[in-house]
N, C-alpha and C. Protein backbone atom coordinates (compact mmCIF):
# COMPACT_ATOMS: atom_id res chain seq x y z
N MET A 1 -31.78 -31.97 18.36
CA MET A 1 -30.64 -32.45 19.13
C MET A 1 -31.13 -33.49 20.15
N PRO A 2 -30.45 -34.63 20.23
CA PRO A 2 -30.88 -35.65 21.18
C PRO A 2 -30.70 -35.19 22.62
N SER A 3 -31.61 -35.63 23.45
CA SER A 3 -31.47 -35.29 24.86
C SER A 3 -30.39 -36.16 25.48
N PRO A 4 -29.64 -35.64 26.45
CA PRO A 4 -28.58 -36.43 27.08
C PRO A 4 -29.10 -37.74 27.66
N ALA A 5 -30.28 -37.72 28.24
CA ALA A 5 -30.81 -38.94 28.86
C ALA A 5 -31.05 -40.03 27.81
N SER A 6 -31.49 -39.64 26.61
CA SER A 6 -31.79 -40.65 25.59
C SER A 6 -30.53 -41.31 25.06
N THR A 7 -29.43 -40.57 24.92
CA THR A 7 -28.21 -41.16 24.39
C THR A 7 -27.38 -41.84 25.46
N GLU A 8 -27.52 -41.43 26.71
CA GLU A 8 -26.76 -42.08 27.78
C GLU A 8 -27.20 -43.52 27.98
N GLN A 9 -28.42 -43.84 27.59
CA GLN A 9 -28.94 -45.19 27.77
C GLN A 9 -28.40 -46.16 26.72
N VAL A 10 -27.70 -45.66 25.73
CA VAL A 10 -27.20 -46.50 24.63
C VAL A 10 -25.73 -46.83 24.88
N ALA A 11 -25.42 -48.11 24.84
CA ALA A 11 -24.04 -48.57 25.02
C ALA A 11 -23.53 -49.12 23.70
N PHE A 12 -22.37 -48.66 23.28
CA PHE A 12 -21.73 -49.17 22.06
C PHE A 12 -20.72 -50.23 22.45
N ARG A 13 -20.67 -51.29 21.67
CA ARG A 13 -19.75 -52.40 21.96
C ARG A 13 -19.45 -53.14 20.66
N ILE A 14 -18.41 -53.98 20.73
CA ILE A 14 -18.10 -54.86 19.60
C ILE A 14 -19.22 -55.87 19.49
N ALA A 15 -19.67 -56.12 18.28
CA ALA A 15 -20.75 -57.07 18.05
C ALA A 15 -20.30 -58.49 18.40
N ARG A 16 -21.28 -59.29 18.81
CA ARG A 16 -21.04 -60.69 19.19
C ARG A 16 -21.82 -61.60 18.26
N ALA A 17 -21.46 -62.87 18.26
CA ALA A 17 -22.13 -63.85 17.42
C ALA A 17 -23.63 -63.90 17.70
N ASP A 18 -24.03 -63.75 18.96
CA ASP A 18 -25.46 -63.82 19.26
C ASP A 18 -26.22 -62.57 18.79
N ASP A 19 -25.51 -61.56 18.30
CA ASP A 19 -26.14 -60.36 17.73
C ASP A 19 -26.52 -60.56 16.26
N ILE A 20 -25.95 -61.55 15.61
CA ILE A 20 -26.11 -61.70 14.16
C ILE A 20 -27.58 -61.73 13.73
N PRO A 21 -28.46 -62.52 14.35
CA PRO A 21 -29.86 -62.50 13.88
C PRO A 21 -30.50 -61.12 13.94
N ARG A 22 -30.28 -60.38 15.01
CA ARG A 22 -30.87 -59.04 15.13
C ARG A 22 -30.22 -58.07 14.14
N MET A 23 -28.91 -58.19 13.94
CA MET A 23 -28.23 -57.33 12.96
C MET A 23 -28.80 -57.59 11.58
N ALA A 24 -28.99 -58.85 11.24
CA ALA A 24 -29.55 -59.21 9.93
C ALA A 24 -30.96 -58.63 9.79
N GLU A 25 -31.73 -58.67 10.86
CA GLU A 25 -33.09 -58.12 10.85
C GLU A 25 -33.06 -56.62 10.60
N LEU A 26 -32.16 -55.91 11.29
CA LEU A 26 -32.03 -54.46 11.10
C LEU A 26 -31.63 -54.13 9.67
N MET A 27 -30.67 -54.87 9.13
CA MET A 27 -30.21 -54.63 7.76
C MET A 27 -31.34 -54.86 6.77
N ALA A 28 -32.04 -55.97 6.90
CA ALA A 28 -33.13 -56.28 5.98
C ALA A 28 -34.21 -55.20 6.04
N ALA A 29 -34.53 -54.72 7.25
CA ALA A 29 -35.55 -53.68 7.40
C ALA A 29 -35.12 -52.38 6.72
N ALA A 30 -33.80 -52.16 6.61
CA ALA A 30 -33.27 -50.96 5.96
C ALA A 30 -32.97 -51.21 4.48
N HIS A 31 -33.42 -52.33 3.97
CA HIS A 31 -33.21 -52.70 2.56
C HIS A 31 -31.73 -52.86 2.20
N LEU A 32 -30.96 -53.34 3.19
CA LEU A 32 -29.55 -53.66 2.96
C LEU A 32 -29.41 -55.18 3.00
N PRO A 33 -28.48 -55.71 2.23
CA PRO A 33 -28.32 -57.17 2.22
C PRO A 33 -27.67 -57.69 3.50
N PRO A 34 -28.36 -58.55 4.23
CA PRO A 34 -27.80 -59.09 5.48
C PRO A 34 -26.87 -60.26 5.20
N LEU A 35 -25.81 -59.98 4.46
CA LEU A 35 -24.90 -61.02 4.00
C LEU A 35 -23.52 -60.88 4.65
N PHE A 36 -22.85 -62.00 4.81
CA PHE A 36 -21.45 -62.05 5.26
C PHE A 36 -21.22 -61.31 6.58
N ILE A 37 -22.19 -61.34 7.45
CA ILE A 37 -22.05 -60.70 8.75
C ILE A 37 -21.07 -61.50 9.60
N GLU A 38 -21.29 -62.80 9.66
CA GLU A 38 -20.44 -63.65 10.49
C GLU A 38 -18.99 -63.59 10.04
N GLU A 39 -18.76 -63.57 8.73
CA GLU A 39 -17.40 -63.55 8.20
C GLU A 39 -16.65 -62.28 8.56
N HIS A 40 -17.37 -61.20 8.81
CA HIS A 40 -16.74 -59.91 9.12
C HIS A 40 -17.18 -59.37 10.48
N LEU A 41 -17.62 -60.27 11.35
CA LEU A 41 -18.17 -59.87 12.64
C LEU A 41 -17.19 -59.05 13.47
N ASP A 42 -15.91 -59.34 13.35
CA ASP A 42 -14.92 -58.61 14.16
C ASP A 42 -14.85 -57.13 13.81
N GLY A 43 -15.42 -56.72 12.69
CA GLY A 43 -15.43 -55.32 12.31
C GLY A 43 -16.72 -54.59 12.66
N PHE A 44 -17.67 -55.29 13.26
CA PHE A 44 -18.97 -54.69 13.56
C PHE A 44 -19.04 -54.09 14.96
N VAL A 45 -19.75 -52.98 15.06
CA VAL A 45 -20.06 -52.33 16.33
C VAL A 45 -21.57 -52.40 16.49
N ALA A 46 -22.02 -52.66 17.70
CA ALA A 46 -23.44 -52.73 18.00
C ALA A 46 -23.78 -51.66 19.04
N ALA A 47 -24.98 -51.11 18.92
CA ALA A 47 -25.50 -50.16 19.89
C ALA A 47 -26.66 -50.82 20.61
N ASP A 48 -26.55 -50.88 21.93
CA ASP A 48 -27.51 -51.61 22.75
C ASP A 48 -28.21 -50.63 23.69
N ARG A 49 -29.53 -50.74 23.76
CA ARG A 49 -30.30 -49.92 24.69
C ARG A 49 -31.22 -50.85 25.47
N ALA A 50 -31.04 -50.90 26.76
CA ALA A 50 -31.88 -51.73 27.64
C ALA A 50 -31.93 -53.18 27.18
N GLY A 51 -30.78 -53.70 26.74
CA GLY A 51 -30.70 -55.09 26.34
C GLY A 51 -31.16 -55.38 24.92
N GLU A 52 -31.54 -54.33 24.18
CA GLU A 52 -31.97 -54.53 22.79
C GLU A 52 -30.99 -53.86 21.84
N LEU A 53 -30.56 -54.60 20.84
CA LEU A 53 -29.67 -54.06 19.83
C LEU A 53 -30.50 -53.16 18.91
N ILE A 54 -30.16 -51.87 18.87
CA ILE A 54 -30.97 -50.94 18.08
C ILE A 54 -30.20 -50.31 16.93
N ALA A 55 -28.91 -50.58 16.82
CA ALA A 55 -28.13 -50.03 15.71
C ALA A 55 -26.85 -50.85 15.55
N CYS A 56 -26.33 -50.83 14.33
CA CYS A 56 -25.07 -51.52 14.09
C CYS A 56 -24.44 -50.98 12.81
N GLY A 57 -23.20 -51.33 12.63
CA GLY A 57 -22.46 -50.98 11.43
C GLY A 57 -21.13 -51.70 11.48
N GLY A 58 -20.48 -51.83 10.33
CA GLY A 58 -19.23 -52.56 10.32
C GLY A 58 -18.23 -52.03 9.32
N ILE A 59 -17.03 -52.57 9.46
CA ILE A 59 -15.98 -52.33 8.46
C ILE A 59 -15.42 -53.67 8.04
N GLU A 60 -15.00 -53.71 6.80
CA GLU A 60 -14.26 -54.85 6.27
C GLU A 60 -12.91 -54.30 5.83
N MET A 61 -11.84 -54.94 6.28
CA MET A 61 -10.50 -54.46 5.94
C MET A 61 -9.96 -55.22 4.74
N TYR A 62 -9.35 -54.49 3.82
CA TYR A 62 -8.68 -55.04 2.65
C TYR A 62 -7.35 -54.30 2.52
N GLU A 63 -6.30 -54.94 3.02
CA GLU A 63 -4.97 -54.32 3.10
C GLU A 63 -5.09 -52.99 3.85
N ASP A 64 -4.74 -51.87 3.20
CA ASP A 64 -4.80 -50.59 3.91
C ASP A 64 -6.06 -49.80 3.57
N CYS A 65 -7.12 -50.53 3.22
CA CYS A 65 -8.40 -49.91 2.89
C CYS A 65 -9.51 -50.56 3.72
N ALA A 66 -10.50 -49.76 4.06
CA ALA A 66 -11.67 -50.28 4.76
C ALA A 66 -12.92 -49.97 3.95
N VAL A 67 -13.84 -50.92 3.95
CA VAL A 67 -15.16 -50.70 3.36
C VAL A 67 -16.14 -50.63 4.52
N ILE A 68 -16.78 -49.49 4.67
CA ILE A 68 -17.80 -49.32 5.71
C ILE A 68 -19.10 -49.90 5.18
N ARG A 69 -19.78 -50.66 6.04
CA ARG A 69 -21.00 -51.30 5.56
C ARG A 69 -22.09 -51.37 6.62
N SER A 70 -23.30 -51.42 6.13
CA SER A 70 -24.48 -51.77 6.93
C SER A 70 -24.67 -50.92 8.17
N VAL A 71 -24.53 -49.61 8.04
CA VAL A 71 -24.80 -48.72 9.16
C VAL A 71 -26.32 -48.52 9.19
N VAL A 72 -26.94 -49.09 10.22
CA VAL A 72 -28.40 -49.04 10.34
C VAL A 72 -28.80 -48.71 11.77
N VAL A 73 -29.91 -47.99 11.87
CA VAL A 73 -30.48 -47.64 13.17
C VAL A 73 -31.96 -48.01 13.14
N ASP A 74 -32.40 -48.76 14.14
CA ASP A 74 -33.80 -49.12 14.27
C ASP A 74 -34.63 -47.85 14.38
N GLU A 75 -35.85 -47.92 13.89
CA GLU A 75 -36.74 -46.76 13.93
C GLU A 75 -36.86 -46.19 15.34
N SER A 76 -36.85 -47.05 16.36
CA SER A 76 -36.98 -46.59 17.74
C SER A 76 -35.77 -45.79 18.23
N GLY A 77 -34.66 -45.88 17.52
CA GLY A 77 -33.45 -45.17 17.92
C GLY A 77 -33.11 -43.99 17.04
N ARG A 78 -33.94 -43.71 16.06
CA ARG A 78 -33.64 -42.61 15.14
C ARG A 78 -33.82 -41.26 15.82
N GLY A 79 -33.01 -40.32 15.41
CA GLY A 79 -33.06 -38.98 15.98
C GLY A 79 -32.19 -38.81 17.21
N LEU A 80 -31.46 -39.86 17.58
CA LEU A 80 -30.59 -39.79 18.75
C LEU A 80 -29.13 -39.56 18.38
N GLY A 81 -28.84 -39.47 17.09
CA GLY A 81 -27.46 -39.29 16.66
C GLY A 81 -26.66 -40.58 16.62
N LEU A 82 -27.34 -41.71 16.67
CA LEU A 82 -26.63 -43.00 16.70
C LEU A 82 -25.91 -43.29 15.39
N GLY A 83 -26.52 -42.94 14.26
CA GLY A 83 -25.87 -43.17 12.97
C GLY A 83 -24.54 -42.43 12.88
N GLY A 84 -24.54 -41.19 13.32
CA GLY A 84 -23.31 -40.40 13.31
C GLY A 84 -22.26 -40.96 14.25
N ARG A 85 -22.70 -41.38 15.43
CA ARG A 85 -21.74 -41.96 16.37
C ARG A 85 -21.16 -43.25 15.81
N LEU A 86 -22.00 -44.05 15.20
CA LEU A 86 -21.50 -45.29 14.57
C LEU A 86 -20.51 -44.96 13.46
N ALA A 87 -20.85 -44.01 12.60
CA ALA A 87 -19.96 -43.64 11.50
C ALA A 87 -18.59 -43.21 12.04
N GLU A 88 -18.60 -42.37 13.07
CA GLU A 88 -17.34 -41.90 13.64
C GLU A 88 -16.55 -43.05 14.26
N MET A 89 -17.22 -43.95 14.96
CA MET A 89 -16.54 -45.11 15.55
C MET A 89 -15.95 -46.01 14.47
N LEU A 90 -16.71 -46.26 13.43
CA LEU A 90 -16.21 -47.14 12.37
C LEU A 90 -15.00 -46.52 11.66
N MET A 91 -15.05 -45.22 11.42
CA MET A 91 -13.90 -44.56 10.80
C MET A 91 -12.68 -44.63 11.72
N ALA A 92 -12.88 -44.42 13.01
CA ALA A 92 -11.78 -44.51 13.97
C ALA A 92 -11.25 -45.94 14.04
N ASN A 93 -12.13 -46.92 14.05
CA ASN A 93 -11.70 -48.32 14.07
C ASN A 93 -10.91 -48.67 12.82
N ALA A 94 -11.34 -48.15 11.68
CA ALA A 94 -10.63 -48.41 10.43
C ALA A 94 -9.22 -47.80 10.49
N ARG A 95 -9.12 -46.57 10.98
CA ARG A 95 -7.79 -45.93 11.10
C ARG A 95 -6.91 -46.74 12.05
N ALA A 96 -7.48 -47.18 13.17
CA ALA A 96 -6.71 -47.96 14.14
C ALA A 96 -6.24 -49.29 13.55
N ALA A 97 -6.99 -49.82 12.59
CA ALA A 97 -6.62 -51.07 11.94
C ALA A 97 -5.66 -50.84 10.77
N GLY A 98 -5.29 -49.59 10.52
CA GLY A 98 -4.31 -49.28 9.49
C GLY A 98 -4.88 -48.80 8.17
N ALA A 99 -6.15 -48.46 8.13
CA ALA A 99 -6.74 -47.99 6.87
C ALA A 99 -6.24 -46.60 6.51
N ALA A 100 -5.89 -46.44 5.25
CA ALA A 100 -5.52 -45.14 4.70
C ALA A 100 -6.67 -44.56 3.88
N ASP A 101 -7.52 -45.45 3.37
CA ASP A 101 -8.65 -45.05 2.53
C ASP A 101 -9.91 -45.76 3.02
N LEU A 102 -11.04 -45.05 2.94
CA LEU A 102 -12.33 -45.59 3.33
C LEU A 102 -13.26 -45.55 2.12
N TYR A 103 -14.01 -46.62 1.94
CA TYR A 103 -14.97 -46.71 0.84
C TYR A 103 -16.31 -47.15 1.40
N LEU A 104 -17.37 -46.85 0.67
CA LEU A 104 -18.68 -47.35 1.03
C LEU A 104 -19.62 -47.22 -0.16
N PHE A 105 -20.76 -47.88 -0.03
CA PHE A 105 -21.85 -47.77 -0.99
C PHE A 105 -23.06 -47.26 -0.23
N THR A 106 -23.85 -46.39 -0.88
CA THR A 106 -25.10 -45.95 -0.27
C THR A 106 -26.11 -45.65 -1.36
N ALA A 107 -27.35 -45.90 -1.05
CA ALA A 107 -28.43 -45.55 -1.97
C ALA A 107 -29.22 -44.37 -1.41
N GLU A 108 -29.47 -44.39 -0.11
CA GLU A 108 -30.37 -43.41 0.49
C GLU A 108 -29.69 -42.42 1.42
N ALA A 109 -28.42 -42.61 1.73
CA ALA A 109 -27.77 -41.77 2.74
C ALA A 109 -26.64 -40.92 2.16
N LEU A 110 -26.77 -40.51 0.92
CA LEU A 110 -25.71 -39.72 0.28
C LEU A 110 -25.37 -38.46 1.08
N PRO A 111 -26.35 -37.62 1.46
CA PRO A 111 -26.00 -36.41 2.23
C PRO A 111 -25.35 -36.73 3.59
N PHE A 112 -25.80 -37.80 4.23
CA PHE A 112 -25.22 -38.21 5.51
C PHE A 112 -23.73 -38.44 5.35
N TRP A 113 -23.35 -39.26 4.37
CA TRP A 113 -21.94 -39.59 4.19
C TRP A 113 -21.14 -38.41 3.66
N GLN A 114 -21.74 -37.56 2.85
CA GLN A 114 -21.05 -36.36 2.40
C GLN A 114 -20.71 -35.46 3.59
N HIS A 115 -21.59 -35.42 4.57
CA HIS A 115 -21.34 -34.65 5.80
C HIS A 115 -20.07 -35.13 6.49
N TYR A 116 -19.74 -36.40 6.35
CA TYR A 116 -18.54 -36.98 6.98
C TYR A 116 -17.34 -36.98 6.02
N GLY A 117 -17.42 -36.20 4.96
CA GLY A 117 -16.28 -36.01 4.09
C GLY A 117 -16.14 -37.00 2.95
N PHE A 118 -17.13 -37.84 2.74
CA PHE A 118 -17.07 -38.78 1.63
C PHE A 118 -17.49 -38.10 0.34
N ALA A 119 -16.82 -38.46 -0.75
CA ALA A 119 -17.12 -37.93 -2.07
C ALA A 119 -17.45 -39.09 -3.00
N GLU A 120 -18.29 -38.81 -3.95
CA GLU A 120 -18.62 -39.85 -4.92
C GLU A 120 -17.42 -40.13 -5.81
N VAL A 121 -17.20 -41.41 -6.07
CA VAL A 121 -16.14 -41.86 -6.97
C VAL A 121 -16.72 -42.95 -7.88
N THR A 122 -16.00 -43.23 -8.94
CA THR A 122 -16.43 -44.31 -9.83
C THR A 122 -15.84 -45.63 -9.34
N PHE A 123 -16.37 -46.71 -9.83
CA PHE A 123 -15.82 -48.02 -9.51
C PHE A 123 -14.35 -48.10 -9.91
N LYS A 124 -14.00 -47.48 -11.02
CA LYS A 124 -12.62 -47.52 -11.51
C LYS A 124 -11.65 -46.79 -10.59
N GLU A 125 -12.16 -45.90 -9.76
CA GLU A 125 -11.30 -45.14 -8.86
C GLU A 125 -10.97 -45.88 -7.56
N TRP A 126 -11.60 -47.02 -7.33
CA TRP A 126 -11.29 -47.81 -6.14
C TRP A 126 -9.90 -48.42 -6.27
N LYS A 127 -9.18 -48.46 -5.18
CA LYS A 127 -7.91 -49.18 -5.17
C LYS A 127 -8.20 -50.67 -5.38
N ASN A 128 -7.19 -51.41 -5.77
CA ASN A 128 -7.40 -52.83 -6.08
C ASN A 128 -7.83 -53.66 -4.88
N ALA A 129 -7.23 -53.47 -3.72
CA ALA A 129 -7.51 -54.34 -2.57
C ALA A 129 -8.99 -54.37 -2.19
N PRO A 130 -9.68 -53.23 -2.02
CA PRO A 130 -11.08 -53.31 -1.60
C PRO A 130 -12.03 -53.80 -2.69
N ARG A 131 -11.52 -53.92 -3.90
CA ARG A 131 -12.35 -54.49 -4.97
C ARG A 131 -12.67 -55.95 -4.71
N ALA A 132 -11.98 -56.56 -3.74
CA ALA A 132 -12.26 -57.95 -3.38
C ALA A 132 -13.51 -58.07 -2.52
N SER A 133 -14.05 -56.95 -2.03
CA SER A 133 -15.25 -57.02 -1.18
C SER A 133 -16.43 -57.56 -1.98
N TRP A 134 -17.28 -58.30 -1.29
CA TRP A 134 -18.44 -58.87 -1.96
C TRP A 134 -19.36 -57.78 -2.51
N GLN A 135 -19.42 -56.65 -1.83
CA GLN A 135 -20.27 -55.56 -2.29
C GLN A 135 -19.76 -55.00 -3.62
N TYR A 136 -18.45 -54.76 -3.68
CA TYR A 136 -17.87 -54.24 -4.92
C TYR A 136 -18.09 -55.25 -6.05
N GLN A 137 -17.81 -56.50 -5.76
CA GLN A 137 -17.95 -57.54 -6.78
C GLN A 137 -19.37 -57.57 -7.34
N PHE A 138 -20.34 -57.57 -6.47
CA PHE A 138 -21.74 -57.65 -6.92
C PHE A 138 -22.17 -56.37 -7.63
N LEU A 139 -21.96 -55.23 -6.99
CA LEU A 139 -22.48 -53.97 -7.54
C LEU A 139 -21.79 -53.55 -8.82
N SER A 140 -20.49 -53.77 -8.92
CA SER A 140 -19.79 -53.37 -10.14
C SER A 140 -20.20 -54.23 -11.33
N GLN A 141 -20.68 -55.43 -11.07
CA GLN A 141 -21.08 -56.32 -12.16
C GLN A 141 -22.59 -56.34 -12.40
N ASN A 142 -23.34 -55.63 -11.57
CA ASN A 142 -24.80 -55.64 -11.67
C ASN A 142 -25.39 -54.24 -11.52
N ARG A 143 -24.84 -53.29 -12.23
CA ARG A 143 -25.29 -51.89 -12.11
C ARG A 143 -26.77 -51.74 -12.43
N ASP A 144 -27.30 -52.58 -13.31
CA ASP A 144 -28.70 -52.46 -13.68
C ASP A 144 -29.63 -52.95 -12.57
N VAL A 145 -29.15 -53.82 -11.69
CA VAL A 145 -29.96 -54.36 -10.60
C VAL A 145 -30.16 -53.31 -9.51
N VAL A 146 -29.11 -52.55 -9.22
CA VAL A 146 -29.16 -51.52 -8.18
C VAL A 146 -28.62 -50.22 -8.78
N PRO A 147 -29.41 -49.57 -9.63
CA PRO A 147 -28.89 -48.40 -10.35
C PRO A 147 -28.69 -47.15 -9.51
N ASP A 148 -29.32 -47.04 -8.36
CA ASP A 148 -29.25 -45.82 -7.56
C ASP A 148 -28.18 -45.83 -6.49
N VAL A 149 -27.26 -46.77 -6.57
CA VAL A 149 -26.21 -46.86 -5.55
C VAL A 149 -25.07 -45.89 -5.89
N HIS A 150 -24.62 -45.20 -4.86
CA HIS A 150 -23.48 -44.28 -5.00
C HIS A 150 -22.27 -44.96 -4.39
N THR A 151 -21.13 -44.90 -5.04
CA THR A 151 -19.90 -45.41 -4.45
C THR A 151 -19.10 -44.21 -3.98
N MET A 152 -18.62 -44.29 -2.74
CA MET A 152 -18.00 -43.14 -2.10
C MET A 152 -16.64 -43.47 -1.49
N TRP A 153 -15.83 -42.41 -1.32
CA TRP A 153 -14.47 -42.57 -0.80
C TRP A 153 -14.10 -41.33 0.02
N ARG A 154 -13.19 -41.56 0.94
CA ARG A 154 -12.49 -40.46 1.63
C ARG A 154 -11.22 -41.03 2.22
N LYS A 155 -10.27 -40.15 2.48
CA LYS A 155 -9.07 -40.53 3.20
C LYS A 155 -9.47 -40.88 4.62
N ALA A 156 -8.78 -41.87 5.17
CA ALA A 156 -9.10 -42.29 6.54
C ALA A 156 -8.64 -41.21 7.52
């Protein structure tokens, strides 16, 4: 369990344009594609500790669906519960934006997302609107390139 002092030092905020390079660095270090951050910047949340961005994650809205993406925590911030706090914030932000359904892709965090009520679904089970996401487009057409990716869904 994180100590109160360690988590109190972390401030969550809406990501800014000057965060993009650090967000891309965090994503790349986590083996996630640092793509289309600027285009969806309004859906990103950043976690800042002592002036350093140590975690981020985002949502992309497609009609009444949200795709959660790029939830990453720097190694220096792991074990503080930041990933869970980000997940909860992103789900709340998606609901506030009108999402009825939440989708995501994960390769390494299947148990994490299952803990938050996400279940594995097939590509065919996605509603039409979120199929416009760049992640869906790439992964659904290139299953052999990233064979260990799980596609997940839950009600918002």
